[in-house]
């Protein structure tokens, strides 16, 4: 069993290295086209930023594959070709990301895709599409909102809650106070502005199916209270750090 894991990990690691080495040559055509399209708008700088993001993801994945903790949880039934297809698409997501901080969510997804029990999820493409669709800030709000409401479920941590999820929820105004570092009862223009900003982000999380929103009777129908659903924990398990 241990030999099977080592052999499969070595195979995946070697394939990742090959993709990383071949990627610059494979992307030459696209880079030339992009440079032409971006003429006069700092094309060289843009392309270098893209390369930096993909390099950072490559380094993070290689480090994780070499981590002994991953070897202990590695699912040797993972199909190498399926993982590599996800990896190539993840590099594309990394290249398009507006902030390098989002790379940690992409890296977490890739590692969760090869360790138990998340490796057995049949629709990993759906999770990757959502990671691609959500901005870095929306990822941050989603995870931190969950960390705020989890104590009400009796769980000691978000990592514990995702293994035995129950329906929980909270108010955006309370979350706004948490972000601003003020008491929950605070009422100010600053909290109202933050709440309005969060409503936009959380309406997107609701539309993506990650949270359920309760619409108000206001003319805009804005949602201020959000709760989890059956998909919330499944997605969270893929974006949380597995270590």
C-alpha atoms as a PDB file:
ATOM      1  CA  UNK A   1       0.000   0.000   0.000  1.00  0.00           C
ATOM      2  CA  UNK A   2       2.779   2.440   0.947  1.00  0.00           C
ATOM      3  CA  UNK A   3       4.685   1.528  -2.226  1.00  0.00           C
ATOM      4  CA  UNK A   4       1.564   2.160  -4.307  1.00  0.00           C
ATOM      5  CA  UNK A   5       1.177   5.607  -2.748  1.00  0.00           C
ATOM      6  CA  UNK A   6       4.816   6.473  -3.273  1.00  0.00           C
ATOM      7  CA  UNK A   7       4.721   5.290  -6.869  1.00  0.00           C
ATOM      8  CA  UNK A   8       1.568   7.268  -7.674  1.00  0.00           C
ATOM      9  CA  UNK A   9       2.873  10.383  -5.932  1.00  0.00           C
ATOM     10  CA  UNK A  10       6.132  10.163  -7.846  1.00  0.00           C
ATOM     11  CA  UNK A  11       4.182   9.788 -11.075  1.00  0.00           C
ATOM     12  CA  UNK A  12       2.029  12.829 -10.311  1.00  0.00           C
ATOM     13  CA  UNK A  13       5.035  14.843  -9.160  1.00  0.00           C
ATOM     14  CA  UNK A  14       6.976  14.036 -12.325  1.00  0.00           C
ATOM     15  CA  UNK A  15       3.980  14.925 -14.496  1.00  0.00           C
ATOM     16  CA  UNK A  16       3.498  18.241 -12.705  1.00  0.00           C
ATOM     17  CA  UNK A  17       7.180  19.024 -13.248  1.00  0.00           C
ATOM     18  CA  UNK A  18       6.836  18.185 -16.946  1.00  0.00           C
ATOM     19  CA  UNK A  19       3.817  20.457 -17.346  1.00  0.00           C
ATOM     20  CA  UNK A  20       5.620  23.245 -15.519  1.00  0.00           C
ATOM     21  CA  UNK A  21       8.658  22.896 -17.779  1.00  0.00           C
ATOM     22  CA  UNK A  22       6.613  22.745 -20.981  1.00  0.00           C
ATOM     23  CA  UNK A  23       4.136  25.504 -20.117  1.00  0.00           C
ATOM     24  CA  UNK A  24       6.244  28.519 -21.227  1.00  0.00           C
ATOM     25  CA  UNK A  25       6.715  27.066 -24.713  1.00  0.00           C
ATOM     26  CA  UNK A  26       3.065  26.072 -24.948  1.00  0.00           C
ATOM     27  CA  UNK A  27       1.971  29.581 -24.017  1.00  0.00           C
ATOM     28  CA  UNK A  28       4.156  31.474 -26.480  1.00  0.00           C
ATOM     29  CA  UNK A  29       1.371  31.893 -29.028  1.00  0.00           C
ATOM     30  CA  UNK A  30      -1.102  33.141 -26.459  1.00  0.00           C
ATOM     31  CA  UNK A  31       1.442  35.518 -24.952  1.00  0.00           C
ATOM     32  CA  UNK A  32       2.207  37.065 -28.327  1.00  0.00           C
ATOM     33  CA  UNK A  33      -1.493  37.568 -29.033  1.00  0.00           C
ATOM     34  CA  UNK A  34      -2.057  39.033 -25.581  1.00  0.00           C
ATOM     35  CA  UNK A  35       0.923  41.357 -25.935  1.00  0.00           C
ATOM     36  CA  UNK A  36      -0.471  42.682 -29.205  1.00  0.00           C
ATOM     37  CA  UNK A  37      -3.903  43.203 -27.634  1.00  0.00           C
ATOM     38  CA  UNK A  38      -2.342  44.987 -24.669  1.00  0.00           C
ATOM     39  CA  UNK A  39       0.025  47.163 -26.700  1.00  0.00           C
ATOM     40  CA  UNK A  40       0.666  50.403 -24.873  1.00  0.00           C
ATOM     41  CA  UNK A  41      -0.789  49.118 -21.593  1.00  0.00           C
ATOM     42  CA  UNK A  42       2.319  47.590 -20.065  1.00  0.00           C
ATOM     43  CA  UNK A  43       2.051  44.232 -21.844  1.00  0.00           C
ATOM     44  CA  UNK A  44       5.423  43.013 -20.612  1.00  0.00           C
ATOM     45  CA  UNK A  45       4.522  43.753 -17.011  1.00  0.00           C
ATOM     46  CA  UNK A  46       1.146  42.024 -17.365  1.00  0.00           C
ATOM     47  CA  UNK A  47       2.700  38.879 -18.834  1.00  0.00           C
ATOM     48  CA  UNK A  48       5.360  38.781 -16.126  1.00  0.00           C
ATOM     49  CA  UNK A  49       2.662  38.999 -13.450  1.00  0.00           C
ATOM     50  CA  UNK A  50       0.872  36.068 -15.075  1.00  0.00           C
ATOM     51  CA  UNK A  51       4.067  34.032 -15.123  1.00  0.00           C
ATOM     52  CA  UNK A  52       4.739  34.911 -11.480  1.00  0.00           C
ATOM     53  CA  UNK A  53       1.298  33.708 -10.397  1.00  0.00           C
ATOM     54  CA  UNK A  54       1.596  30.380 -12.209  1.00  0.00           C
ATOM     55  CA  UNK A  55       5.132  29.906 -10.858  1.00  0.00           C
ATOM     56  CA  UNK A  56       3.867  30.544  -7.340  1.00  0.00           C
ATOM     57  CA  UNK A  57       1.137  27.943  -7.787  1.00  0.00           C
ATOM     58  CA  UNK A  58       3.629  25.443  -9.228  1.00  0.00           C
ATOM     59  CA  UNK A  59       5.931  25.932  -6.233  1.00  0.00           C
ATOM     60  CA  UNK A  60       3.064  25.580  -3.746  1.00  0.00           C
ATOM     61  CA  UNK A  61       1.828  22.358  -5.357  1.00  0.00           C
ATOM     62  CA  UNK A  62       5.313  20.835  -5.516  1.00  0.00           C
ATOM     63  CA  UNK A  63       5.907  21.676  -1.848  1.00  0.00           C
ATOM     64  CA  UNK A  64       2.600  20.088  -0.862  1.00  0.00           C
ATOM     65  CA  UNK A  65       3.260  16.926  -2.875  1.00  0.00           C
ATOM     66  CA  UNK A  66       6.573  16.558  -1.027  1.00  0.00           C
ATOM     67  CA  UNK A  67       4.941  17.022   2.389  1.00  0.00           C
ATOM     68  CA  UNK A  68       4.898  13.841   4.496  1.00  0.00           C
ATOM     69  CA  UNK A  69       1.454  14.724   5.840  1.00  0.00           C
ATOM     70  CA  UNK A  70       0.009  14.475   2.335  1.00  0.00           C
ATOM     71  CA  UNK A  71       1.573  11.035   1.830  1.00  0.00           C
ATOM     72  CA  UNK A  72      -0.300   9.761   4.889  1.00  0.00           C
ATOM     73  CA  UNK A  73      -3.672  10.887   3.495  1.00  0.00           C
ATOM     74  CA  UNK A  74      -3.015  10.404  -0.226  1.00  0.00           C
ATOM     75  CA  UNK A  75      -5.651   8.436  -2.155  1.00  0.00           C
ATOM     76  CA  UNK A  76      -3.751   6.005  -4.365  1.00  0.00           C
ATOM     77  CA  UNK A  77      -6.885   5.425  -6.470  1.00  0.00           C
ATOM     78  CA  UNK A  78      -6.680   8.994  -7.842  1.00  0.00           C
ATOM     79  CA  UNK A  79      -6.351   8.935 -11.618  1.00  0.00           C
ATOM     80  CA  UNK A  80      -3.227  10.779 -12.699  1.00  0.00           C
ATOM     81  CA  UNK A  81      -4.695  12.056 -15.977  1.00  0.00           C
ATOM     82  CA  UNK A  82      -7.758  13.486 -14.211  1.00  0.00           C
ATOM     83  CA  UNK A  83      -5.615  15.278 -11.644  1.00  0.00           C
ATOM     84  CA  UNK A  84      -3.324  16.695 -14.329  1.00  0.00           C
ATOM     85  CA  UNK A  85      -6.334  17.990 -16.260  1.00  0.00           C
ATOM     86  CA  UNK A  86      -7.464  19.796 -13.091  1.00  0.00           C
ATOM     87  CA  UNK A  87      -3.941  21.078 -12.564  1.00  0.00           C
ATOM     88  CA  UNK A  88      -3.695  22.568 -16.055  1.00  0.00           C
ATOM     89  CA  UNK A  89      -7.064  24.268 -15.617  1.00  0.00           C
ATOM     90  CA  UNK A  90      -6.031  25.485 -12.172  1.00  0.00           C
ATOM     91  CA  UNK A  91      -2.954  27.152 -13.675  1.00  0.00           C
ATOM     92  CA  UNK A  92      -5.288  28.979 -16.055  1.00  0.00           C
ATOM     93  CA  UNK A  93      -7.387  30.109 -13.077  1.00  0.00           C
ATOM     94  CA  UNK A  94      -4.217  31.292 -11.338  1.00  0.00           C
ATOM     95  CA  UNK A  95      -3.155  33.243 -14.422  1.00  0.00           C
ATOM     96  CA  UNK A  96      -6.515  35.038 -14.523  1.00  0.00           C
ATOM     97  CA  UNK A  97      -6.700  35.769 -10.784  1.00  0.00           C
ATOM     98  CA  UNK A  98      -6.663  39.435  -9.903  1.00  0.00           C
ATOM     99  CA  UNK A  99      -4.782  38.870  -6.639  1.00  0.00           C
ATOM    100  CA  UNK A 100      -1.976  36.456  -5.854  1.00  0.00           C
ATOM    101  CA  UNK A 101      -3.551  35.737  -2.450  1.00  0.00           C
ATOM    102  CA  UNK A 102      -6.236  33.706  -4.252  1.00  0.00           C
ATOM    103  CA  UNK A 103      -3.549  31.158  -5.147  1.00  0.00           C
ATOM    104  CA  UNK A 104      -3.813  29.557  -1.722  1.00  0.00           C
ATOM    105  CA  UNK A 105      -7.421  28.583  -2.433  1.00  0.00           C
ATOM    106  CA  UNK A 106      -6.413  27.090  -5.789  1.00  0.00           C
ATOM    107  CA  UNK A 107      -3.542  25.216  -4.126  1.00  0.00           C
ATOM    108  CA  UNK A 108      -5.859  23.937  -1.381  1.00  0.00           C
ATOM    109  CA  UNK A 109      -8.300  22.690  -4.020  1.00  0.00           C
ATOM    110  CA  UNK A 110      -5.591  20.717  -5.830  1.00  0.00           C
ATOM    111  CA  UNK A 111      -4.316  19.089  -2.645  1.00  0.00           C
ATOM    112  CA  UNK A 112      -7.832  18.238  -1.452  1.00  0.00           C
ATOM    113  CA  UNK A 113      -8.416  16.642  -4.847  1.00  0.00           C
ATOM    114  CA  UNK A 114      -5.850  13.925  -4.072  1.00  0.00           C
ATOM    115  CA  UNK A 115      -6.442  13.239  -0.357  1.00  0.00           C
ATOM    116  CA  UNK A 116      -9.255  11.401   1.364  1.00  0.00           C
ATOM    117  CA  UNK A 117     -12.161  11.948   1.689  1.00  0.00           C
ATOM    118  CA  UNK A 118     -12.448  14.891  -0.725  1.00  0.00           C
ATOM    119  CA  UNK A 119     -10.629  12.968  -3.460  1.00  0.00           C
ATOM    120  CA  UNK A 120     -13.763  10.822  -3.853  1.00  0.00           C
ATOM    121  CA  UNK A 121     -15.994  13.761  -4.797  1.00  0.00           C
ATOM    122  CA  UNK A 122     -17.172  13.074  -8.371  1.00  0.00           C
ATOM    123  CA  UNK A 123     -17.658  16.664  -9.575  1.00  0.00           C
ATOM    124  CA  UNK A 124     -14.402  18.436  -8.814  1.00  0.00           C
ATOM    125  CA  UNK A 125     -14.789  20.537 -11.962  1.00  0.00           C
ATOM    126  CA  UNK A 126     -17.738  22.292 -10.303  1.00  0.00           C
ATOM    127  CA  UNK A 127     -15.602  23.317  -7.343  1.00  0.00           C
ATOM    128  CA  UNK A 128     -12.849  24.611  -9.605  1.00  0.00           C
ATOM    129  CA  UNK A 129     -15.353  26.634 -11.667  1.00  0.00           C
ATOM    130  CA  UNK A 130     -16.590  28.292  -8.474  1.00  0.00           C
ATOM    131  CA  UNK A 131     -13.064  29.060  -7.305  1.00  0.00           C
ATOM    132  CA  UNK A 132     -12.481  30.643 -10.704  1.00  0.00           C
ATOM    133  CA  UNK A 133     -15.755  32.599 -10.562  1.00  0.00           C
ATOM    134  CA  UNK A 134     -15.370  34.026  -7.059  1.00  0.00           C
ATOM    135  CA  UNK A 135     -12.997  36.902  -6.425  1.00  0.00           C
ATOM    136  CA  UNK A 136     -10.341  36.711  -3.744  1.00  0.00           C
ATOM    137  CA  UNK A 137     -12.363  39.050  -1.539  1.00  0.00           C
ATOM    138  CA  UNK A 138     -15.503  36.914  -1.938  1.00  0.00           C
ATOM    139  CA  UNK A 139     -13.524  33.842  -0.902  1.00  0.00           C
ATOM    140  CA  UNK A 140     -12.271  35.721   2.142  1.00  0.00           C
ATOM    141  CA  UNK A 141     -15.731  36.939   3.119  1.00  0.00           C
ATOM    142  CA  UNK A 142     -17.217  33.470   2.677  1.00  0.00           C
ATOM    143  CA  UNK A 143     -14.642  31.720   4.868  1.00  0.00           C
ATOM    144  CA  UNK A 144     -14.566  34.411   7.556  1.00  0.00           C
ATOM    145  CA  UNK A 145     -18.372  34.610   7.694  1.00  0.00           C
ATOM    146  CA  UNK A 146     -18.416  30.871   8.310  1.00  0.00           C
ATOM    147  CA  UNK A 147     -15.803  31.196  11.037  1.00  0.00           C
ATOM    148  CA  UNK A 148     -18.073  33.778  12.683  1.00  0.00           C
ATOM    149  CA  UNK A 149     -21.239  31.651  12.664  1.00  0.00           C
ATOM    150  CA  UNK A 150     -19.714  28.224  13.393  1.00  0.00           C
ATOM    151  CA  UNK A 151     -19.626  28.690  17.211  1.00  0.00           C
ATOM    152  CA  UNK A 152     -23.434  28.754  17.175  1.00  0.00           C
ATOM    153  CA  UNK A 153     -23.352  25.191  15.854  1.00  0.00           C
ATOM    154  CA  UNK A 154     -21.415  23.962  18.875  1.00  0.00           C
ATOM    155  CA  UNK A 155     -18.323  23.140  16.824  1.00  0.00           C
ATOM    156  CA  UNK A 156     -14.900  24.135  18.086  1.00  0.00           C
ATOM    157  CA  UNK A 157     -13.667  25.111  14.625  1.00  0.00           C
ATOM    158  CA  UNK A 158     -14.739  25.489  11.021  1.00  0.00           C
ATOM    159  CA  UNK A 159     -12.635  22.429  10.167  1.00  0.00           C
ATOM    160  CA  UNK A 160     -14.704  20.390  12.643  1.00  0.00           C
ATOM    161  CA  UNK A 161     -18.015  21.786  11.393  1.00  0.00           C
ATOM    162  CA  UNK A 162     -17.422  20.756   7.770  1.00  0.00           C
ATOM    163  CA  UNK A 163     -17.187  17.115   8.864  1.00  0.00           C
ATOM    164  CA  UNK A 164     -20.582  17.240  10.611  1.00  0.00           C
ATOM    165  CA  UNK A 165     -22.398  20.278   9.201  1.00  0.00           C
ATOM    166  CA  UNK A 166     -25.672  21.595  10.549  1.00  0.00           C
ATOM    167  CA  UNK A 167     -27.606  24.591   9.247  1.00  0.00           C
ATOM    168  CA  UNK A 168     -26.298  27.857  10.690  1.00  0.00           C
ATOM    169  CA  UNK A 169     -26.474  31.496   9.658  1.00  0.00           C
ATOM    170  CA  UNK A 170     -25.924  35.098  10.582  1.00  0.00           C
ATOM    171  CA  UNK A 171     -26.540  38.734   9.769  1.00  0.00           C
ATOM    172  CA  UNK A 172     -24.387  40.740   7.378  1.00  0.00           C
ATOM    173  CA  UNK A 173     -24.454  43.741   9.733  1.00  0.00           C
ATOM    174  CA  UNK A 174     -22.945  41.578  12.490  1.00  0.00           C
ATOM    175  CA  UNK A 175     -20.270  40.392  10.070  1.00  0.00           C
ATOM    176  CA  UNK A 176     -19.588  44.001   9.060  1.00  0.00           C
ATOM    177  CA  UNK A 177     -18.964  44.886  12.709  1.00  0.00           C
ATOM    178  CA  UNK A 178     -16.623  41.898  12.960  1.00  0.00           C
ATOM    179  CA  UNK A 179     -14.609  43.090   9.951  1.00  0.00           C
ATOM    180  CA  UNK A 180     -14.403  46.621  11.335  1.00  0.00           C
ATOM    181  CA  UNK A 181     -13.477  45.377  14.797  1.00  0.00           C
ATOM    182  CA  UNK A 182     -16.345  47.142  16.582  1.00  0.00           C
ATOM    183  CA  UNK A 183     -19.076  45.820  18.944  1.00  0.00           C
ATOM    184  CA  UNK A 184     -21.974  44.020  17.246  1.00  0.00           C
ATOM    185  CA  UNK A 185     -24.390  46.681  18.468  1.00  0.00           C
ATOM    186  CA  UNK A 186     -22.514  49.500  16.743  1.00  0.00           C
ATOM    187  CA  UNK A 187     -24.627  51.641  14.430  1.00  0.00           C
ATOM    188  CA  UNK A 188     -22.707  54.027  12.233  1.00  0.00           C
ATOM    189  CA  UNK A 189     -22.268  55.181   8.663  1.00  0.00           C
ATOM    190  CA  UNK A 190     -19.088  53.128   8.442  1.00  0.00           C
ATOM    191  CA  UNK A 191     -20.941  49.928   9.392  1.00  0.00           C
ATOM    192  CA  UNK A 192     -23.749  50.760   6.970  1.00  0.00           C
ATOM    193  CA  UNK A 193     -21.272  51.314   4.139  1.00  0.00           C
ATOM    194  CA  UNK A 194     -19.537  48.018   4.896  1.00  0.00           C
ATOM    195  CA  UNK A 195     -22.897  46.235   5.076  1.00  0.00           C
ATOM    196  CA  UNK A 196     -23.883  47.616   1.671  1.00  0.00           C
ATOM    197  CA  UNK A 197     -20.587  46.402   0.203  1.00  0.00           C
ATOM    198  CA  UNK A 198     -21.018  42.955   1.752  1.00  0.00           C
ATOM    199  CA  UNK A 199     -24.569  42.623   0.420  1.00  0.00           C
ATOM    200  CA  UNK A 200     -23.202  42.718  -3.131  1.00  0.00           C
ATOM    201  CA  UNK A 201     -20.643  39.996  -2.378  1.00  0.00           C
ATOM    202  CA  UNK A 202     -23.088  37.798  -0.502  1.00  0.00           C
ATOM    203  CA  UNK A 203     -25.742  38.076  -3.187  1.00  0.00           C
ATOM    204  CA  UNK A 204     -23.123  36.571  -5.490  1.00  0.00           C
ATOM    205  CA  UNK A 205     -22.421  33.786  -2.969  1.00  0.00           C
ATOM    206  CA  UNK A 206     -26.168  33.173  -2.847  1.00  0.00           C
ATOM    207  CA  UNK A 207     -26.441  33.087  -6.653  1.00  0.00           C
ATOM    208  CA  UNK A 208     -23.522  30.634  -6.771  1.00  0.00           C
ATOM    209  CA  UNK A 209     -25.422  28.314  -4.434  1.00  0.00           C
ATOM    210  CA  UNK A 210     -22.963  28.553  -1.537  1.00  0.00           C
ATOM    211  CA  UNK A 211     -25.312  30.283   0.915  1.00  0.00           C
ATOM    212  CA  UNK A 212     -29.050  30.797   1.216  1.00  0.00           C
ATOM    213  CA  UNK A 213     -30.162  34.406   1.473  1.00  0.00           C
ATOM    214  CA  UNK A 214     -33.370  35.717   3.017  1.00  0.00           C
ATOM    215  CA  UNK A 215     -34.725  38.667   0.970  1.00  0.00           C
ATOM    216  CA  UNK A 216     -36.160  41.657   2.796  1.00  0.00           C
ATOM    217  CA  UNK A 217     -39.302  43.565   1.880  1.00  0.00           C
ATOM    218  CA  UNK A 218     -37.276  46.575   0.820  1.00  0.00           C
ATOM    219  CA  UNK A 219     -37.686  47.889  -2.756  1.00  0.00           C
ATOM    220  CA  UNK A 220     -34.273  46.479  -3.681  1.00  0.00           C
ATOM    221  CA  UNK A 221     -34.953  43.099  -2.132  1.00  0.00           C
ATOM    222  CA  UNK A 222     -31.477  43.120  -0.599  1.00  0.00           C
ATOM    223  CA  UNK A 223     -30.564  40.172   1.616  1.00  0.00           C
ATOM    224  CA  UNK A 224     -29.075  40.725   5.060  1.00  0.00           C
ATOM    225  CA  UNK A 225     -29.369  37.279   6.638  1.00  0.00           C
ATOM    226  CA  UNK A 226     -27.614  34.253   5.161  1.00  0.00           C
ATOM    227  CA  UNK A 227     -27.529  30.600   6.144  1.00  0.00           C
ATOM    228  CA  UNK A 228     -25.733  27.474   5.009  1.00  0.00           C
ATOM    229  CA  UNK A 229     -27.146  24.796   2.742  1.00  0.00           C
ATOM    230  CA  UNK A 230     -26.178  21.292   1.680  1.00  0.00           C
ATOM    231  CA  UNK A 231     -23.423  22.514  -0.628  1.00  0.00           C
ATOM    232  CA  UNK A 232     -21.725  24.950   1.754  1.00  0.00           C
ATOM    233  CA  UNK A 233     -19.605  22.424   3.635  1.00  0.00           C
ATOM    234  CA  UNK A 234     -18.707  20.474   0.491  1.00  0.00           C
ATOM    235  CA  UNK A 235     -17.190  23.538  -1.151  1.00  0.00           C
ATOM    236  CA  UNK A 236     -15.498  24.684   2.050  1.00  0.00           C
ATOM    237  CA  UNK A 237     -13.701  21.357   2.387  1.00  0.00           C
ATOM    238  CA  UNK A 238     -12.034  22.005  -0.956  1.00  0.00           C
ATOM    239  CA  UNK A 239     -10.808  25.547  -0.204  1.00  0.00           C
ATOM    240  CA  UNK A 240      -9.703  25.105   3.410  1.00  0.00           C
ATOM    241  CA  UNK A 241      -6.050  24.259   4.026  1.00  0.00           C
ATOM    242  CA  UNK A 242      -5.957  20.459   4.389  1.00  0.00           C
ATOM    243  CA  UNK A 243      -2.954  20.613   6.708  1.00  0.00           C
END
